Amino acid sequence: MTPSEFDENVRELTRCCPWISQTSGYRSEIRNQSVGGSSRSKHLVGMAADFTADDEDGLEQAQDKARQLGFWTQIHGSPPHLHVQGLPAGEVSNCTINWNTKWGKHGSH
């Protein structure tokens, strides 16, 4: 999934599942560390997002839609939230996406 496709699919997910609220997207390294995120987190490159809902049934319904949109997904945490990402698990360096297209020459957001 390209960065543009990721952004478009996040918008589609929130359009189709209006009961979810996005709580996280791109994170700086400092923010990622402060929330206990992995050093391989796709949030660090803007290719992951987290969502909450009033109940776990709502998260599971959103997870089904997210998978239809091509996201890798996981419901986890306390309280539970839906994590979606547009890249496979593993190192970002294994991917061939041009991050400058999404974040600009200096990789800032």
PDB file of N, CA and C in Angstrom:
ATOM      1  N   MET A   1       0.850  -1.169   0.000  1.00  0.00           N
ATOM      2  CA  MET A   1       0.000   0.000   0.000  1.00  0.00           C
ATOM      3  C   MET A   1       0.901   1.239   0.000  1.00  0.00           C
ATOM      4  N   THR A   2       0.604   2.164  -0.864  1.00  0.00           N
ATOM      5  CA  THR A   2       1.375   3.398  -0.934  1.00  0.00           C
ATOM      6  C   THR A   2       0.903   4.360   0.164  1.00  0.00           C
ATOM      7  N   PRO A   3       1.692   5.384   0.469  1.00  0.00           N
ATOM      8  CA  PRO A   3       1.239   6.376   1.453  1.00  0.00           C
ATOM      9  C   PRO A   3      -0.087   7.039   1.060  1.00  0.00           C
ATOM     10  N   SER A   4      -0.276   7.333  -0.214  1.00  0.00           N
ATOM     11  CA  SER A   4      -1.540   7.934  -0.658  1.00  0.00           C
ATOM     12  C   SER A   4      -2.706   6.982  -0.477  1.00  0.00           C
ATOM     13  N   GLU A   5      -2.495   5.718  -0.801  1.00  0.00           N
ATOM     14  CA  GLU A   5      -3.547   4.715  -0.602  1.00  0.00           C
ATOM     15  C   GLU A   5      -3.869   4.556   0.880  1.00  0.00           C
ATOM     16  N   PHE A   6      -2.831   4.577   1.719  1.00  0.00           N
ATOM     17  CA  PHE A   6      -3.058   4.486   3.159  1.00  0.00           C
ATOM     18  C   PHE A   6      -3.963   5.624   3.627  1.00  0.00           C
ATOM     19  N   ASP A   7      -3.611   6.855   3.267  1.00  0.00           N
ATOM     20  CA  ASP A   7      -4.406   8.011   3.686  1.00  0.00           C
ATOM     21  C   ASP A   7      -5.839   7.911   3.180  1.00  0.00           C
ATOM     22  N   GLU A   8      -6.005   7.526   1.931  1.00  0.00           N
ATOM     23  CA  GLU A   8      -7.343   7.386   1.349  1.00  0.00           C
ATOM     24  C   GLU A   8      -8.139   6.303   2.073  1.00  0.00           C
ATOM     25  N   ASN A   9      -7.492   5.186   2.393  1.00  0.00           N
ATOM     26  CA  ASN A   9      -8.185   4.088   3.053  1.00  0.00           C
ATOM     27  C   ASN A   9      -8.535   4.409   4.504  1.00  0.00           C
ATOM     28  N   VAL A  10      -7.712   5.206   5.192  1.00  0.00           N
ATOM     29  CA  VAL A  10      -8.072   5.653   6.541  1.00  0.00           C
ATOM     30  C   VAL A  10      -9.323   6.517   6.473  1.00  0.00           C
ATOM     31  N   ARG A  11      -9.383   7.420   5.496  1.00  0.00           N
ATOM     32  CA  ARG A  11     -10.586   8.250   5.328  1.00  0.00           C
ATOM     33  C   ARG A  11     -11.804   7.388   5.025  1.00  0.00           C
ATOM     34  N   GLU A  12     -11.635   6.377   4.176  1.00  0.00           N
ATOM     35  CA  GLU A  12     -12.748   5.489   3.840  1.00  0.00           C
ATOM     36  C   GLU A  12     -13.201   4.697   5.071  1.00  0.00           C
ATOM     37  N   LEU A  13     -12.258   4.248   5.878  1.00  0.00           N
ATOM     38  CA  LEU A  13     -12.598   3.504   7.089  1.00  0.00           C
ATOM     39  C   LEU A  13     -13.440   4.360   8.032  1.00  0.00           C
ATOM     40  N   THR A  14     -13.029   5.598   8.248  1.00  0.00           N
ATOM     41  CA  THR A  14     -13.794   6.463   9.153  1.00  0.00           C
ATOM     42  C   THR A  14     -15.133   6.874   8.543  1.00  0.00           C
ATOM     43  N   ARG A  15     -15.212   6.931   7.220  1.00  0.00           N
ATOM     44  CA  ARG A  15     -16.492   7.235   6.567  1.00  0.00           C
ATOM     45  C   ARG A  15     -17.467   6.063   6.732  1.00  0.00           C
ATOM     46  N   CYS A  16     -16.971   4.840   6.533  1.00  0.00           N
ATOM     47  CA  CYS A  16     -17.823   3.647   6.618  1.00  0.00           C
ATOM     48  C   CYS A  16     -18.137   3.243   8.051  1.00  0.00           C
ATOM     49  N   CYS A  17     -17.312   3.663   8.983  1.00  0.00           N
ATOM     50  CA  CYS A  17     -17.469   3.283  10.394  1.00  0.00           C
ATOM     51  C   CYS A  17     -17.489   4.550  11.248  1.00  0.00           C
ATOM     52  N   PRO A  18     -18.557   5.334  11.177  1.00  0.00           N
ATOM     53  CA  PRO A  18     -18.564   6.622  11.874  1.00  0.00           C
ATOM     54  C   PRO A  18     -18.549   6.507  13.401  1.00  0.00           C
ATOM     55  N   TRP A  19     -18.689   5.307  13.928  1.00  0.00           N
ATOM     56  CA  TRP A  19     -18.662   5.109  15.381  1.00  0.00           C
ATOM     57  C   TRP A  19     -17.240   5.005  15.945  1.00  0.00           C
ATOM     58  N   ILE A  20     -16.222   5.018  15.073  1.00  0.00           N
ATOM     59  CA  ILE A  20     -14.838   4.965  15.563  1.00  0.00           C
ATOM     60  C   ILE A  20     -14.238   6.361  15.555  1.00  0.00           C
ATOM     61  N   SER A  21     -13.271   6.559  16.445  1.00  0.00           N
ATOM     62  CA  SER A  21     -12.540   7.827  16.521  1.00  0.00           C
ATOM     63  C   SER A  21     -11.055   7.541  16.407  1.00  0.00           C
ATOM     64  N   GLN A  22     -10.379   8.271  15.532  1.00  0.00           N
ATOM     65  CA  GLN A  22      -8.939   8.094  15.382  1.00  0.00           C
ATOM     66  C   GLN A  22      -8.239   8.773  16.551  1.00  0.00           C
ATOM     67  N   THR A  23      -7.352   8.022  17.213  1.00  0.00           N
ATOM     68  CA  THR A  23      -6.639   8.543  18.375  1.00  0.00           C
ATOM     69  C   THR A  23      -5.150   8.722  18.129  1.00  0.00           C
ATOM     70  N   SER A  24      -4.630   8.136  17.061  1.00  0.00           N
ATOM     71  CA  SER A  24      -3.207   8.233  16.787  1.00  0.00           C
ATOM     72  C   SER A  24      -2.968   8.021  15.305  1.00  0.00           C
ATOM     73  N   GLY A  25      -1.941   8.650  14.799  1.00  0.00           N
ATOM     74  CA  GLY A  25      -1.496   8.488  13.419  1.00  0.00           C
ATOM     75  C   GLY A  25       0.011   8.564  13.416  1.00  0.00           C
ATOM     76  N   TYR A  26       0.558   9.523  12.665  1.00  0.00           N
ATOM     77  CA  TYR A  26       2.010   9.731  12.665  1.00  0.00           C
ATOM     78  C   TYR A  26       2.475  10.060  14.080  1.00  0.00           C
ATOM     79  N   ARG A  27       3.614   9.495  14.478  1.00  0.00           N
ATOM     80  CA  ARG A  27       4.235   9.817  15.763  1.00  0.00           C
ATOM     81  C   ARG A  27       5.712  10.135  15.556  1.00  0.00           C
ATOM     82  N   SER A  28       6.199  11.140  16.260  1.00  0.00           N
ATOM     83  CA  SER A  28       7.640  11.392  16.291  1.00  0.00           C
ATOM     84  C   SER A  28       8.278  10.277  17.121  1.00  0.00           C
ATOM     85  N   GLU A  29       9.595  10.156  17.029  1.00  0.00           N
ATOM     86  CA  GLU A  29      10.290   9.137  17.827  1.00  0.00           C
ATOM     87  C   GLU A  29      10.065   9.361  19.319  1.00  0.00           C
ATOM     88  N   ILE A  30      10.087  10.616  19.750  1.00  0.00           N
ATOM     89  CA  ILE A  30       9.889  10.927  21.168  1.00  0.00           C
ATOM     90  C   ILE A  30       8.488  10.515  21.615  1.00  0.00           C
ATOM     91  N   ARG A  31       7.472  10.879  20.827  1.00  0.00           N
ATOM     92  CA  ARG A  31       6.087  10.515  21.173  1.00  0.00           C
ATOM     93  C   ARG A  31       5.923   9.002  21.164  1.00  0.00           C
ATOM     94  N   ASN A  32       6.497   8.335  20.178  1.00  0.00           N
ATOM     95  CA  ASN A  32       6.383   6.888  20.083  1.00  0.00           C
ATOM     96  C   ASN A  32       6.988   6.216  21.318  1.00  0.00           C
ATOM     97  N   GLN A  33       8.148   6.693  21.755  1.00  0.00           N
ATOM     98  CA  GLN A  33       8.777   6.144  22.959  1.00  0.00           C
ATOM     99  C   GLN A  33       7.924   6.395  24.188  1.00  0.00           C
ATOM    100  N   SER A  34       7.316   7.580  24.269  1.00  0.00           N
ATOM    101  CA  SER A  34       6.538   7.928  25.464  1.00  0.00           C
ATOM    102  C   SER A  34       5.279   7.083  25.612  1.00  0.00           C
ATOM    103  N   VAL A  35       4.759   6.555  24.510  1.00  0.00           N
ATOM    104  CA  VAL A  35       3.570   5.691  24.594  1.00  0.00           C
ATOM    105  C   VAL A  35       3.934   4.212  24.564  1.00  0.00           C
ATOM    106  N   GLY A  36       5.240   3.913  24.597  1.00  0.00           N
ATOM    107  CA  GLY A  36       5.679   2.517  24.618  1.00  0.00           C
ATOM    108  C   GLY A  36       5.629   1.834  23.270  1.00  0.00           C
ATOM    109  N   GLY A  37       5.688   2.619  22.190  1.00  0.00           N
ATOM    110  CA  GLY A  37       5.650   2.061  20.836  1.00  0.00           C
ATOM    111  C   GLY A  37       6.948   1.358  20.462  1.00  0.00           C
ATOM    112  N   SER A  38       6.836   0.442  19.540  1.00  0.00           N
ATOM    113  CA  SER A  38       7.980  -0.317  19.034  1.00  0.00           C
ATOM    114  C   SER A  38       8.901   0.583  18.219  1.00  0.00           C
ATOM    115  N   SER A  39      10.183   0.272  18.233  1.00  0.00           N
ATOM    116  CA  SER A  39      11.130   1.016  17.393  1.00  0.00           C
ATOM    117  C   SER A  39      10.877   0.737  15.916  1.00  0.00           C
ATOM    118  N   ARG A  40      10.090  -0.292  15.605  1.00  0.00           N
ATOM    119  CA  ARG A  40       9.727  -0.613  14.219  1.00  0.00           C
ATOM    120  C   ARG A  40       8.287  -0.192  13.901  1.00  0.00           C
ATOM    121  N   SER A  41       7.720   0.660  14.755  1.00  0.00           N
ATOM    122  CA  SER A  41       6.336   1.087  14.591  1.00  0.00           C
ATOM    123  C   SER A  41       6.128   1.785  13.251  1.00  0.00           C
ATOM    124  N   LYS A  42       5.064   1.437  12.592  1.00  0.00           N
ATOM    125  CA  LYS A  42       4.711   2.098  11.332  1.00  0.00           C
ATOM    126  C   LYS A  42       4.132   3.487  11.582  1.00  0.00           C
ATOM    127  N   HIS A  43       3.801   3.807  12.850  1.00  0.00           N
ATOM    128  CA  HIS A  43       3.401   5.170  13.199  1.00  0.00           C
ATOM    129  C   HIS A  43       4.539   6.141  12.910  1.00  0.00           C
ATOM    130  N   LEU A  44       5.778   5.684  13.031  1.00  0.00           N
ATOM    131  CA  LEU A  44       6.946   6.548  12.840  1.00  0.00           C
ATOM    132  C   LEU A  44       7.073   7.057  11.409  1.00  0.00           C
ATOM    133  N   VAL A  45       6.442   6.376  10.472  1.00  0.00           N
ATOM    134  CA  VAL A  45       6.498   6.800   9.072  1.00  0.00           C
ATOM    135  C   VAL A  45       5.104   7.150   8.538  1.00  0.00           C
ATOM    136  N   GLY A  46       4.150   7.324   9.447  1.00  0.00           N
ATOM    137  CA  GLY A  46       2.816   7.743   9.039  1.00  0.00           C
ATOM    138  C   GLY A  46       2.014   6.689   8.319  1.00  0.00           C
ATOM    139  N   MET A  47       2.336   5.418   8.545  1.00  0.00           N
ATOM    140  CA  MET A  47       1.618   4.332   7.871  1.00  0.00           C
ATOM    141  C   MET A  47       0.875   3.453   8.865  1.00  0.00           C
ATOM    142  N   ALA A  48       0.476   4.032  10.012  1.00  0.00           N
ATOM    143  CA  ALA A  48      -0.329   3.331  11.005  1.00  0.00           C
ATOM    144  C   ALA A  48      -1.266   4.331  11.664  1.00  0.00           C
ATOM    145  N   ALA A  49      -2.381   3.822  12.131  1.00  0.00           N
ATOM    146  CA  ALA A  49      -3.354   4.648  12.838  1.00  0.00           C
ATOM    147  C   ALA A  49      -4.046   3.789  13.878  1.00  0.00           C
ATOM    148  N   ASP A  50      -4.499   4.427  14.947  1.00  0.00           N
ATOM    149  CA  ASP A  50      -5.243   3.749  16.006  1.00  0.00           C
ATOM    150  C   ASP A  50      -6.621   4.381  16.127  1.00  0.00           C
ATOM    151  N   PHE A  51      -7.598   3.537  16.505  1.00  0.00           N
ATOM    152  CA  PHE A  51      -8.988   3.971  16.629  1.00  0.00           C
ATOM    153  C   PHE A  51      -9.613   3.394  17.886  1.00  0.00           C
ATOM    154  N   THR A  52     -10.532   4.144  18.473  1.00  0.00           N
ATOM    155  CA  THR A  52     -11.327   3.652  19.587  1.00  0.00           C
ATOM    156  C   THR A  52     -12.792   3.636  19.166  1.00  0.00           C
ATOM    157  N   ALA A  53     -13.580   2.915  19.949  1.00  0.00           N
ATOM    158  CA  ALA A  53     -15.030   2.869  19.765  1.00  0.00           C
ATOM    159  C   ALA A  53     -15.650   2.707  21.146  1.00  0.00           C
ATOM    160  N   ASP A  54     -16.951   2.907  21.237  1.00  0.00           N
ATOM    161  CA  ASP A  54     -17.624   2.792  22.526  1.00  0.00           C
ATOM    162  C   ASP A  54     -17.614   1.365  23.064  1.00  0.00           C
ATOM    163  N   ASP A  55     -17.527   0.385  22.178  1.00  0.00           N
ATOM    164  CA  ASP A  55     -17.517  -1.004  22.638  1.00  0.00           C
ATOM    165  C   ASP A  55     -16.679  -1.867  21.700  1.00  0.00           C
ATOM    166  N   GLU A  56     -16.336  -3.047  22.179  1.00  0.00           N
ATOM    167  CA  GLU A  56     -15.468  -3.920  21.397  1.00  0.00           C
ATOM    168  C   GLU A  56     -16.160  -4.444  20.135  1.00  0.00           C
ATOM    169  N   ASP A  57     -17.490  -4.572  20.172  1.00  0.00           N
ATOM    170  CA  ASP A  57     -18.204  -4.980  18.951  1.00  0.00           C
ATOM    171  C   ASP A  57     -17.975  -3.971  17.831  1.00  0.00           C
ATOM    172  N   GLY A  58     -17.979  -2.683  18.186  1.00  0.00           N
ATOM    173  CA  GLY A  58     -17.715  -1.641  17.195  1.00  0.00           C
ATOM    174  C   GLY A  58     -16.313  -1.734  16.637  1.00  0.00           C
ATOM    175  N   LEU A  59     -15.343  -2.072  17.496  1.00  0.00           N
ATOM    176  CA  LEU A  59     -13.971  -2.252  17.030  1.00  0.00           C
ATOM    177  C   LEU A  59     -13.864  -3.444  16.089  1.00  0.00           C
ATOM    178  N   GLU A  60     -14.553  -4.528  16.428  1.00  0.00           N
ATOM    179  CA  GLU A  60     -14.495  -5.723  15.579  1.00  0.00           C
ATOM    180  C   GLU A  60     -15.135  -5.471  14.219  1.00  0.00           C
ATOM    181  N   GLN A  61     -16.244  -4.709  14.199  1.00  0.00           N
ATOM    182  CA  GLN A  61     -16.862  -4.366  12.918  1.00  0.00           C
ATOM    183  C   GLN A  61     -15.931  -3.496  12.085  1.00  0.00           C
ATOM    184  N   ALA A  62     -15.273  -2.539  12.733  1.00  0.00           N
ATOM    185  CA  ALA A  62     -14.319  -1.678  12.025  1.00  0.00           C
ATOM    186  C   ALA A  62     -13.119  -2.490  11.546  1.00  0.00           C
ATOM    187  N   GLN A  63     -12.693  -3.464  12.339  1.00  0.00           N
ATOM    188  CA  GLN A  63     -11.575  -4.310  11.938  1.00  0.00           C
ATOM    189  C   GLN A  63     -11.920  -5.090  10.669  1.00  0.00           C
ATOM    190  N   ASP A  64     -13.129  -5.602  10.589  1.00  0.00           N
ATOM    191  CA  ASP A  64     -13.556  -6.318   9.374  1.00  0.00           C
ATOM    192  C   ASP A  64     -13.460  -5.407   8.150  1.00  0.00           C
ATOM    193  N   LYS A  65     -13.951  -4.166   8.271  1.00  0.00           N
ATOM    194  CA  LYS A  65     -13.897  -3.214   7.160  1.00  0.00           C
ATOM    195  C   LYS A  65     -12.450  -2.865   6.831  1.00  0.00           C
ATOM    196  N   ALA A  66     -11.620  -2.666   7.870  1.00  0.00           N
ATOM    197  CA  ALA A  66     -10.208  -2.321   7.645  1.00  0.00           C
ATOM    198  C   ALA A  66      -9.503  -3.423   6.858  1.00  0.00           C
ATOM    199  N   ARG A  67      -9.790  -4.655   7.178  1.00  0.00           N
ATOM    200  CA  ARG A  67      -9.167  -5.763   6.451  1.00  0.00           C
ATOM    201  C   ARG A  67      -9.634  -5.790   4.999  1.00  0.00           C
ATOM    202  N   GLN A  68     -10.902  -5.464   4.762  1.00  0.00           N
ATOM    203  CA  GLN A  68     -11.399  -5.381   3.385  1.00  0.00           C
ATOM    204  C   GLN A  68     -10.661  -4.297   2.608  1.00  0.00           C
ATOM    205  N   LEU A  69     -10.242  -3.253   3.299  1.00  0.00           N
ATOM    206  CA  LEU A  69      -9.511  -2.152   2.665  1.00  0.00           C
ATOM    207  C   LEU A  69      -8.033  -2.458   2.483  1.00  0.00           C
ATOM    208  N   GLY A  70      -7.572  -3.613   2.975  1.00  0.00           N
ATOM    209  CA  GLY A  70      -6.188  -4.017   2.761  1.00  0.00           C
ATOM    210  C   GLY A  70      -5.243  -3.722   3.904  1.00  0.00           C
ATOM    211  N   PHE A  71      -5.779  -3.296   5.060  1.00  0.00           N
ATOM    212  CA  PHE A  71      -4.936  -3.014   6.210  1.00  0.00           C
ATOM    213  C   PHE A  71      -4.554  -4.292   6.945  1.00  0.00           C
ATOM    214  N   TRP A  72      -3.370  -4.292   7.553  1.00  0.00           N
ATOM    215  CA  TRP A  72      -3.010  -5.263   8.573  1.00  0.00           C
ATOM    216  C   TRP A  72      -3.605  -4.689   9.849  1.00  0.00           C
ATOM    217  N   THR A  73      -4.275  -5.517  10.661  1.00  0.00           N
ATOM    218  CA  THR A  73      -4.995  -4.987  11.826  1.00  0.00           C
ATOM    219  C   THR A  73      -4.727  -5.787  13.087  1.00  0.00           C
ATOM    220  N   GLN A  74      -4.974  -5.131  14.210  1.00  0.00           N
ATOM    221  CA  GLN A  74      -4.900  -5.790  15.510  1.00  0.00           C
ATOM    222  C   GLN A  74      -5.734  -4.983  16.502  1.00  0.00           C
ATOM    223  N   ILE A  75      -6.539  -5.677  17.302  1.00  0.00           N
ATOM    224  CA  ILE A  75      -7.224  -5.045  18.420  1.00  0.00           C
ATOM    225  C   ILE A  75      -6.434  -5.423  19.666  1.00  0.00           C
ATOM    226  N   HIS A  76      -5.993  -4.407  20.414  1.00  0.00           N
ATOM    227  CA  HIS A  76      -5.192  -4.690  21.616  1.00  0.00           C
ATOM    228  C   HIS A  76      -5.216  -3.496  22.543  1.00  0.00           C
ATOM    229  N   GLY A  77      -4.587  -3.653  23.693  1.00  0.00           N
ATOM    230  CA  GLY A  77      -4.439  -2.566  24.650  1.00  0.00           C
ATOM    231  C   GLY A  77      -5.522  -2.550  25.701  1.00  0.00           C
ATOM    232  N   SER A  78      -5.345  -1.641  26.643  1.00  0.00           N
ATOM    233  CA  SER A  78      -6.315  -1.452  27.709  1.00  0.00           C
ATOM    234  C   SER A  78      -6.443   0.050  27.949  1.00  0.00           C
ATOM    235  N   PRO A  79      -7.537   0.649  27.590  1.00  0.00           N
ATOM    236  CA  PRO A  79      -8.691   0.019  26.948  1.00  0.00           C
ATOM    237  C   PRO A  79      -8.354  -0.403  25.517  1.00  0.00           C
ATOM    238  N   PRO A  80      -9.122  -1.353  24.992  1.00  0.00           N
ATOM    239  CA  PRO A  80      -8.811  -1.861  23.656  1.00  0.00           C
ATOM    240  C   PRO A  80      -8.952  -0.787  22.574  1.00  0.00           C
ATOM    241  N   HIS A  81      -8.080  -0.881  21.590  1.00  0.00           N
ATOM    242  CA  HIS A  81      -8.175  -0.007  20.422  1.00  0.00           C
ATOM    243  C   HIS A  81      -7.822  -0.828  19.178  1.00  0.00           C
ATOM    244  N   LEU A  82      -8.240  -0.325  18.036  1.00  0.00           N
ATOM    245  CA  LEU A  82      -7.946  -0.952  16.750  1.00  0.00           C
ATOM    246  C   LEU A  82      -6.725  -0.274  16.155  1.00  0.00           C
ATOM    247  N   HIS A  83      -5.705  -1.074  15.895  1.00  0.00           N
ATOM    248  CA  HIS A  83      -4.494  -0.594  15.225  1.00  0.00           C
ATOM    249  C   HIS A  83      -4.568  -1.073  13.782  1.00  0.00           C
ATOM    250  N   VAL A  84      -4.374  -0.157  12.838  1.00  0.00           N
ATOM    251  CA  VAL A  84      -4.302  -0.530  11.422  1.00  0.00           C
ATOM    252  C   VAL A  84      -2.985  -0.019  10.866  1.00  0.00           C
ATOM    253  N   GLN A  85      -2.421  -0.768   9.936  1.00  0.00           N
ATOM    254  CA  GLN A  85      -1.217  -0.284   9.260  1.00  0.00           C
ATOM    255  C   GLN A  85      -1.238  -0.719   7.811  1.00  0.00           C
ATOM    256  N   GLY A  86      -0.577   0.083   7.003  1.00  0.00           N
ATOM    257  CA  GLY A  86      -0.542  -0.161   5.574  1.00  0.00           C
ATOM    258  C   GLY A  86       0.721  -0.835   5.100  1.00  0.00           C
ATOM    259  N   LEU A  87       1.551  -1.265   6.034  1.00  0.00           N
ATOM    260  CA  LEU A  87       2.790  -1.974   5.711  1.00  0.00           C
ATOM    261  C   LEU A  87       2.813  -3.283   6.486  1.00  0.00           C
ATOM    262  N   PRO A  88       3.500  -4.277   5.981  1.00  0.00           N
ATOM    263  CA  PRO A  88       3.623  -5.531   6.735  1.00  0.00           C
ATOM    264  C   PRO A  88       4.486  -5.327   7.973  1.00  0.00           C
ATOM    265  N   ALA A  89       4.389  -6.266   8.900  1.00  0.00           N
ATOM    266  CA  ALA A  89       5.244  -6.231  10.089  1.00  0.00           C
ATOM    267  C   ALA A  89       6.699  -6.323   9.657  1.00  0.00           C
ATOM    268  N   GLY A  90       7.591  -5.792  10.466  1.00  0.00           N
ATOM    269  CA  GLY A  90       9.020  -5.849  10.170  1.00  0.00           C
ATOM    270  C   GLY A  90       9.611  -4.470  10.008  1.00  0.00           C
ATOM    271  N   GLU A  91      10.845  -4.456   9.586  1.00  0.00           N
ATOM    272  CA  GLU A  91      11.571  -3.206   9.419  1.00  0.00           C
ATOM    273  C   GLU A  91      11.016  -2.396   8.254  1.00  0.00           C
ATOM    274  N   VAL A  92      10.926  -1.102   8.438  1.00  0.00           N
ATOM    275  CA  VAL A  92      10.476  -0.213   7.365  1.00  0.00           C
ATOM    276  C   VAL A  92      11.482  -0.224   6.228  1.00  0.00           C
ATOM    277  N   SER A  93      12.752  -0.406   6.530  1.00  0.00           N
ATOM    278  CA  SER A  93      13.783  -0.394   5.491  1.00  0.00           C
ATOM    279  C   SER A  93      13.598  -1.520   4.477  1.00  0.00           C
ATOM    280  N   ASN A  94      12.806  -2.531   4.825  1.00  0.00           N
ATOM    281  CA  ASN A  94      12.528  -3.619   3.892  1.00  0.00           C
ATOM    282  C   ASN A  94      11.489  -3.229   2.845  1.00  0.00           C
ATOM    283  N   CYS A  95      10.908  -2.057   2.972  1.00  0.00           N
ATOM    284  CA  CYS A  95       9.859  -1.615   2.062  1.00  0.00           C
ATOM    285  C   CYS A  95      10.451  -0.683   1.006  1.00  0.00           C
ATOM    286  N   THR A  96       9.773  -0.579  -0.108  1.00  0.00           N
ATOM    287  CA  THR A  96      10.288   0.218  -1.217  1.00  0.00           C
ATOM    288  C   THR A  96       9.466   1.480  -1.460  1.00  0.00           C
ATOM    289  N   ILE A  97       8.865   2.023  -0.434  1.00  0.00           N
ATOM    290  CA  ILE A  97       8.060   3.233  -0.570  1.00  0.00           C
ATOM    291  C   ILE A  97       8.963   4.461  -0.526  1.00  0.00           C
ATOM    292  N   ASN A  98       8.691   5.433  -1.389  1.00  0.00           N
ATOM    293  CA  ASN A  98       9.418   6.694  -1.375  1.00  0.00           C
ATOM    294  C   ASN A  98       8.754   7.600  -0.338  1.00  0.00           C
ATOM    295  N   TRP A  99       9.335   7.676   0.862  1.00  0.00           N
ATOM    296  CA  TRP A  99       8.735   8.441   1.956  1.00  0.00           C
ATOM    297  C   TRP A  99       8.736   9.930   1.662  1.00  0.00           C
ATOM    298  N   ASN A 100       9.632  10.398   0.791  1.00  0.00           N
ATOM    299  CA  ASN A 100       9.637  11.819   0.459  1.00  0.00           C
ATOM    300  C   ASN A 100       8.337  12.248  -0.198  1.00  0.00           C
ATOM    301  N   THR A 101       7.685  11.328  -0.890  1.00  0.00           N
ATOM    302  CA  THR A 101       6.407  11.637  -1.519  1.00  0.00           C
ATOM    303  C   THR A 101       5.377  11.996  -0.460  1.00  0.00           C
ATOM    304  N   LYS A 102       5.424  11.297   0.672  1.00  0.00           N
ATOM    305  CA  LYS A 102       4.438  11.551   1.718  1.00  0.00           C
ATOM    306  C   LYS A 102       4.863  12.670   2.654  1.00  0.00           C
ATOM    307  N   TRP A 103       6.102  12.657   3.114  1.00  0.00           N
ATOM    308  CA  TRP A 103       6.506  13.544   4.195  1.00  0.00           C
ATOM    309  C   TRP A 103       7.413  14.689   3.764  1.00  0.00           C
ATOM    310  N   GLY A 104       7.790  14.760   2.523  1.00  0.00           N
ATOM    311  CA  GLY A 104       8.657  15.835   2.089  1.00  0.00           C
ATOM    312  C   GLY A 104      10.123  15.475   2.239  1.00  0.00           C
ATOM    313  N   LYS A 105      10.974  16.316   1.736  1.00  0.00           N
ATOM    314  CA  LYS A 105      12.410  16.033   1.657  1.00  0.00           C
ATOM    315  C   LYS A 105      13.042  15.760   3.015  1.00  0.00           C
ATOM    316  N   HIS A 106      12.600  16.414   4.077  1.00  0.00           N
ATOM    317  CA  HIS A 106      13.237  16.268   5.382  1.00  0.00           C
ATOM    318  C   HIS A 106      12.537  15.260   6.272  1.00  0.00           C
ATOM    319  N   GLY A 107      11.493  14.611   5.778  1.00  0.00           N
ATOM    320  CA  GLY A 107      10.795  13.602   6.570  1.00  0.00           C
ATOM    321  C   GLY A 107      10.039  14.177   7.754  1.00  0.00           C
ATOM    322  N   SER A 108       9.657  15.438   7.686  1.00  0.00           N
ATOM    323  CA  SER A 108       8.925  16.029   8.816  1.00  0.00           C
ATOM    324  C   SER A 108       7.440  16.103   8.478  1.00  0.00           C
ATOM    325  N   HIS A 109       6.669  16.167   9.544  1.00  0.00           N
ATOM    326  CA  HIS A 109       5.215  16.263   9.366  1.00  0.00           C
ATOM    327  C   HIS A 109       4.672  17.334  10.279  1.00  0.00           C
TER     328      HIS A 109
END
